[in-house]
Amino acid sequence: MASTKEYLDFVLEQLSELDEVSSRAMMGEYILYYRGKVFGGIYDDRLLVKPVPVAVKLMPDAKLELPYDGAKEMLLVDDVDNREFLREMVEAMYEELAPPKKRKK
């Protein structure tokens, strides 16, 4: 099942207090970026984030779920309605995220 543009728009609105949040459509789903680094995505209308240590600490009871077959597990964000929590979590995750990959020319 692909994610809806409406759910993506909702999540982006929840994160609108952060500068430099962007998304990219990929095979019916959406990859989410903060200041150029991938922090998560929208998969089957679920917000999943990378299980970096700070995210695990902020959501100790979060379920690990597969975004799609063959992918690495990610943390399911249950509290998508809490703008403040989402903003704080994404900001805190930034330092622990991998740098953007260099694109081949």
N, C-alpha and C. Protein backbone atom coordinates (compact mmCIF):
# COMPACT_ATOMS: atom_id res chain seq x y z
N MET A 1 0.84 -1.18 0.00
CA MET A 1 0.00 0.00 0.00
C MET A 1 0.89 1.25 0.00
N ALA A 2 0.67 2.14 -0.90
CA ALA A 2 1.44 3.37 -0.98
C ALA A 2 0.91 4.38 0.03
N SER A 3 1.76 5.31 0.40
CA SER A 3 1.36 6.37 1.32
C SER A 3 0.62 7.46 0.56
N THR A 4 -0.23 8.17 1.28
CA THR A 4 -0.99 9.24 0.66
C THR A 4 -0.26 10.57 0.77
N LYS A 5 -0.49 11.43 -0.20
CA LYS A 5 0.07 12.78 -0.18
C LYS A 5 -0.51 13.54 1.01
N GLU A 6 -1.74 13.25 1.39
CA GLU A 6 -2.37 13.92 2.52
C GLU A 6 -1.63 13.62 3.83
N TYR A 7 -1.21 12.36 4.02
CA TYR A 7 -0.48 12.02 5.25
C TYR A 7 0.89 12.69 5.24
N LEU A 8 1.56 12.69 4.10
CA LEU A 8 2.84 13.39 3.98
C LEU A 8 2.66 14.87 4.34
N ASP A 9 1.65 15.52 3.77
CA ASP A 9 1.40 16.93 4.04
C ASP A 9 1.15 17.17 5.53
N PHE A 10 0.42 16.25 6.18
CA PHE A 10 0.16 16.37 7.62
C PHE A 10 1.46 16.32 8.41
N VAL A 11 2.32 15.34 8.10
CA VAL A 11 3.58 15.20 8.83
C VAL A 11 4.48 16.42 8.58
N LEU A 12 4.54 16.88 7.34
CA LEU A 12 5.36 18.06 7.04
C LEU A 12 4.83 19.30 7.76
N GLU A 13 3.51 19.41 7.89
CA GLU A 13 2.94 20.52 8.65
C GLU A 13 3.32 20.42 10.12
N GLN A 14 3.32 19.20 10.66
CA GLN A 14 3.72 19.00 12.06
C GLN A 14 5.18 19.42 12.28
N LEU A 15 6.00 19.29 11.24
CA LEU A 15 7.43 19.62 11.33
C LEU A 15 7.74 21.01 10.79
N SER A 16 6.72 21.81 10.53
CA SER A 16 6.92 23.09 9.85
C SER A 16 7.72 24.12 10.66
N GLU A 17 7.87 23.92 11.96
CA GLU A 17 8.68 24.84 12.76
C GLU A 17 10.17 24.64 12.51
N LEU A 18 10.54 23.54 11.90
CA LEU A 18 11.94 23.27 11.57
C LEU A 18 12.25 23.81 10.19
N ASP A 19 13.39 24.46 10.06
CA ASP A 19 13.85 24.87 8.74
C ASP A 19 14.48 23.67 8.05
N GLU A 20 14.41 23.66 6.76
CA GLU A 20 15.11 22.67 5.95
C GLU A 20 14.62 21.24 6.11
N VAL A 21 13.32 21.05 6.32
CA VAL A 21 12.73 19.71 6.25
C VAL A 21 12.19 19.55 4.84
N SER A 22 12.54 18.44 4.21
CA SER A 22 12.08 18.20 2.85
C SER A 22 11.74 16.74 2.67
N SER A 23 11.11 16.43 1.55
CA SER A 23 10.74 15.05 1.26
C SER A 23 11.02 14.75 -0.20
N ARG A 24 11.13 13.47 -0.49
CA ARG A 24 11.30 13.04 -1.87
C ARG A 24 10.47 11.76 -2.06
N ALA A 25 9.66 11.76 -3.09
CA ALA A 25 8.85 10.58 -3.39
C ALA A 25 9.75 9.47 -3.92
N MET A 26 9.47 8.25 -3.45
CA MET A 26 10.24 7.10 -3.92
C MET A 26 9.35 5.86 -3.87
N MET A 27 8.98 5.35 -5.01
CA MET A 27 8.20 4.12 -5.15
C MET A 27 6.93 4.14 -4.31
N GLY A 28 6.20 5.24 -4.35
CA GLY A 28 4.93 5.32 -3.63
C GLY A 28 5.06 5.70 -2.18
N GLU A 29 6.27 5.87 -1.71
CA GLU A 29 6.51 6.27 -0.33
C GLU A 29 7.29 7.58 -0.34
N TYR A 30 7.66 8.10 0.83
CA TYR A 30 8.36 9.38 0.91
C TYR A 30 9.53 9.30 1.88
N ILE A 31 10.70 9.72 1.41
CA ILE A 31 11.89 9.83 2.25
C ILE A 31 11.88 11.23 2.85
N LEU A 32 12.20 11.34 4.15
CA LEU A 32 12.22 12.63 4.83
C LEU A 32 13.64 13.04 5.18
N TYR A 33 13.94 14.31 4.94
CA TYR A 33 15.28 14.87 5.18
C TYR A 33 15.19 16.04 6.13
N TYR A 34 16.22 16.18 6.96
CA TYR A 34 16.38 17.38 7.77
C TYR A 34 17.78 17.90 7.53
N ARG A 35 17.87 19.13 7.00
CA ARG A 35 19.13 19.76 6.67
C ARG A 35 20.02 18.83 5.84
N GLY A 36 19.40 18.16 4.88
CA GLY A 36 20.12 17.32 3.94
C GLY A 36 20.37 15.88 4.37
N LYS A 37 20.06 15.54 5.61
CA LYS A 37 20.27 14.18 6.11
C LYS A 37 18.94 13.44 6.20
N VAL A 38 18.95 12.17 5.79
CA VAL A 38 17.75 11.33 5.91
C VAL A 38 17.53 11.00 7.38
N PHE A 39 16.33 11.33 7.88
CA PHE A 39 16.01 10.96 9.27
C PHE A 39 14.89 9.93 9.34
N GLY A 40 14.16 9.74 8.25
CA GLY A 40 13.06 8.78 8.28
C GLY A 40 12.27 8.83 7.00
N GLY A 41 11.02 8.38 7.11
CA GLY A 41 10.18 8.37 5.93
C GLY A 41 8.74 8.05 6.28
N ILE A 42 7.91 8.21 5.27
CA ILE A 42 6.50 7.85 5.36
C ILE A 42 6.33 6.56 4.57
N TYR A 43 5.93 5.50 5.25
CA TYR A 43 5.75 4.19 4.64
C TYR A 43 4.39 3.66 5.04
N ASP A 44 3.54 3.38 4.08
CA ASP A 44 2.18 2.88 4.36
C ASP A 44 1.46 3.80 5.36
N ASP A 45 1.59 5.10 5.15
CA ASP A 45 0.99 6.11 6.03
C ASP A 45 1.40 5.93 7.49
N ARG A 46 2.66 5.58 7.69
CA ARG A 46 3.26 5.51 9.03
C ARG A 46 4.53 6.36 8.99
N LEU A 47 4.79 7.12 10.05
CA LEU A 47 6.05 7.85 10.17
C LEU A 47 7.05 6.94 10.86
N LEU A 48 8.10 6.59 10.14
CA LEU A 48 9.18 5.77 10.69
C LEU A 48 10.45 6.60 10.67
N VAL A 49 11.26 6.48 11.74
CA VAL A 49 12.53 7.19 11.81
C VAL A 49 13.66 6.21 12.05
N LYS A 50 14.86 6.66 11.69
CA LYS A 50 16.04 5.82 11.90
C LYS A 50 16.24 5.58 13.40
N PRO A 51 16.64 4.36 13.76
CA PRO A 51 16.80 4.04 15.18
C PRO A 51 18.15 4.48 15.75
N VAL A 52 18.47 5.76 15.61
CA VAL A 52 19.70 6.29 16.20
C VAL A 52 19.51 6.34 17.71
N PRO A 53 20.60 6.33 18.49
CA PRO A 53 20.47 6.25 19.95
C PRO A 53 19.54 7.27 20.59
N VAL A 54 19.59 8.52 20.15
CA VAL A 54 18.73 9.53 20.77
C VAL A 54 17.25 9.26 20.50
N ALA A 55 16.92 8.76 19.32
CA ALA A 55 15.52 8.44 19.01
C ALA A 55 15.04 7.27 19.88
N VAL A 56 15.89 6.27 20.06
CA VAL A 56 15.55 5.13 20.92
C VAL A 56 15.34 5.61 22.36
N LYS A 57 16.19 6.53 22.81
CA LYS A 57 16.08 7.06 24.17
C LYS A 57 14.78 7.86 24.34
N LEU A 58 14.42 8.66 23.33
CA LEU A 58 13.21 9.48 23.42
C LEU A 58 11.93 8.66 23.28
N MET A 59 12.03 7.51 22.61
CA MET A 59 10.86 6.64 22.41
C MET A 59 11.21 5.21 22.82
N PRO A 60 11.45 4.98 24.12
CA PRO A 60 11.91 3.65 24.55
C PRO A 60 10.92 2.52 24.28
N ASP A 61 9.64 2.83 24.15
CA ASP A 61 8.64 1.79 23.92
C ASP A 61 8.23 1.67 22.46
N ALA A 62 8.90 2.40 21.58
CA ALA A 62 8.54 2.39 20.16
C ALA A 62 8.83 1.02 19.55
N LYS A 63 7.94 0.61 18.66
CA LYS A 63 8.12 -0.66 17.95
C LYS A 63 9.09 -0.47 16.80
N LEU A 64 9.90 -1.49 16.55
CA LEU A 64 10.74 -1.52 15.37
C LEU A 64 9.92 -2.16 14.26
N GLU A 65 9.83 -1.50 13.13
CA GLU A 65 9.05 -2.01 12.01
C GLU A 65 9.84 -1.90 10.72
N LEU A 66 9.49 -2.77 9.78
CA LEU A 66 10.12 -2.72 8.47
C LEU A 66 9.36 -1.75 7.58
N PRO A 67 10.07 -0.79 6.98
CA PRO A 67 9.38 0.11 6.05
C PRO A 67 8.90 -0.63 4.80
N TYR A 68 9.69 -1.60 4.35
CA TYR A 68 9.35 -2.43 3.19
C TYR A 68 10.23 -3.68 3.26
N ASP A 69 9.87 -4.71 2.52
CA ASP A 69 10.62 -5.97 2.54
C ASP A 69 12.08 -5.73 2.17
N GLY A 70 12.97 -6.29 2.97
CA GLY A 70 14.40 -6.20 2.70
C GLY A 70 15.07 -4.98 3.29
N ALA A 71 14.31 -4.09 3.93
CA ALA A 71 14.88 -2.87 4.51
C ALA A 71 15.32 -3.12 5.95
N LYS A 72 16.08 -2.19 6.48
CA LYS A 72 16.45 -2.22 7.90
C LYS A 72 15.27 -1.73 8.72
N GLU A 73 15.15 -2.25 9.94
CA GLU A 73 14.06 -1.84 10.81
C GLU A 73 14.20 -0.37 11.20
N MET A 74 13.06 0.27 11.37
CA MET A 74 13.00 1.66 11.80
C MET A 74 12.01 1.78 12.94
N LEU A 75 12.10 2.90 13.67
CA LEU A 75 11.20 3.14 14.80
C LEU A 75 9.89 3.74 14.33
N LEU A 76 8.78 3.19 14.80
CA LEU A 76 7.46 3.72 14.50
C LEU A 76 7.18 4.88 15.46
N VAL A 77 6.86 6.04 14.91
CA VAL A 77 6.50 7.21 15.73
C VAL A 77 4.99 7.19 15.93
N ASP A 78 4.58 6.92 17.18
CA ASP A 78 3.15 6.88 17.51
C ASP A 78 2.57 8.26 17.74
N ASP A 79 3.37 9.16 18.29
CA ASP A 79 2.88 10.46 18.74
C ASP A 79 3.05 11.53 17.66
N VAL A 80 2.50 11.28 16.48
CA VAL A 80 2.64 12.19 15.34
C VAL A 80 1.88 13.49 15.58
N ASP A 81 0.89 13.47 16.46
CA ASP A 81 0.10 14.67 16.73
C ASP A 81 0.83 15.68 17.61
N ASN A 82 1.91 15.26 18.25
CA ASN A 82 2.66 16.12 19.18
C ASN A 82 3.77 16.86 18.42
N ARG A 83 3.45 18.07 17.95
CA ARG A 83 4.41 18.87 17.16
C ARG A 83 5.71 19.12 17.90
N GLU A 84 5.59 19.50 19.16
CA GLU A 84 6.77 19.83 19.97
C GLU A 84 7.70 18.63 20.09
N PHE A 85 7.13 17.47 20.39
CA PHE A 85 7.94 16.26 20.49
C PHE A 85 8.64 15.94 19.17
N LEU A 86 7.91 16.02 18.06
CA LEU A 86 8.50 15.72 16.75
C LEU A 86 9.66 16.67 16.45
N ARG A 87 9.44 17.95 16.70
CA ARG A 87 10.49 18.93 16.43
C ARG A 87 11.74 18.64 17.27
N GLU A 88 11.54 18.41 18.55
CA GLU A 88 12.68 18.14 19.44
C GLU A 88 13.40 16.86 19.04
N MET A 89 12.65 15.83 18.67
CA MET A 89 13.26 14.56 18.30
C MET A 89 14.10 14.71 17.03
N VAL A 90 13.56 15.33 16.00
CA VAL A 90 14.29 15.46 14.74
C VAL A 90 15.54 16.32 14.94
N GLU A 91 15.41 17.41 15.70
CA GLU A 91 16.60 18.24 15.98
C GLU A 91 17.66 17.44 16.73
N ALA A 92 17.25 16.66 17.71
CA ALA A 92 18.20 15.87 18.51
C ALA A 92 18.85 14.78 17.67
N MET A 93 18.13 14.24 16.70
CA MET A 93 18.66 13.16 15.86
C MET A 93 19.74 13.65 14.90
N TYR A 94 19.72 14.92 14.54
CA TYR A 94 20.56 15.44 13.46
C TYR A 94 22.04 15.04 13.60
N GLU A 95 22.61 15.23 14.77
CA GLU A 95 24.04 14.95 14.96
C GLU A 95 24.37 13.46 14.82
N GLU A 96 23.39 12.60 15.04
CA GLU A 96 23.64 11.15 14.98
C GLU A 96 23.32 10.55 13.62
N LEU A 97 22.83 11.35 12.70
CA LEU A 97 22.50 10.85 11.37
C LEU A 97 23.72 10.84 10.46
N ALA A 98 23.72 9.90 9.54
CA ALA A 98 24.82 9.80 8.58
C ALA A 98 24.81 11.02 7.66
N PRO A 99 26.00 11.48 7.27
CA PRO A 99 26.03 12.61 6.32
C PRO A 99 25.46 12.20 4.98
N PRO A 100 24.99 13.18 4.21
CA PRO A 100 24.44 12.85 2.89
C PRO A 100 25.50 12.19 2.01
N LYS A 101 25.06 11.24 1.21
CA LYS A 101 25.98 10.58 0.28
C LYS A 101 26.27 11.49 -0.89
N LYS A 102 27.50 11.45 -1.35
CA LYS A 102 27.88 12.23 -2.53
C LYS A 102 27.24 11.59 -3.76
N ARG A 103 26.66 12.43 -4.60
CA ARG A 103 26.05 11.92 -5.82
C ARG A 103 27.11 11.76 -6.89
N LYS A 104 26.97 10.68 -7.66
CA LYS A 104 27.88 10.45 -8.77
C LYS A 104 27.48 11.38 -9.90
N LYS A 105 28.49 11.91 -10.59
CA LYS A 105 28.20 12.82 -11.71
C LYS A 105 28.12 12.07 -13.02
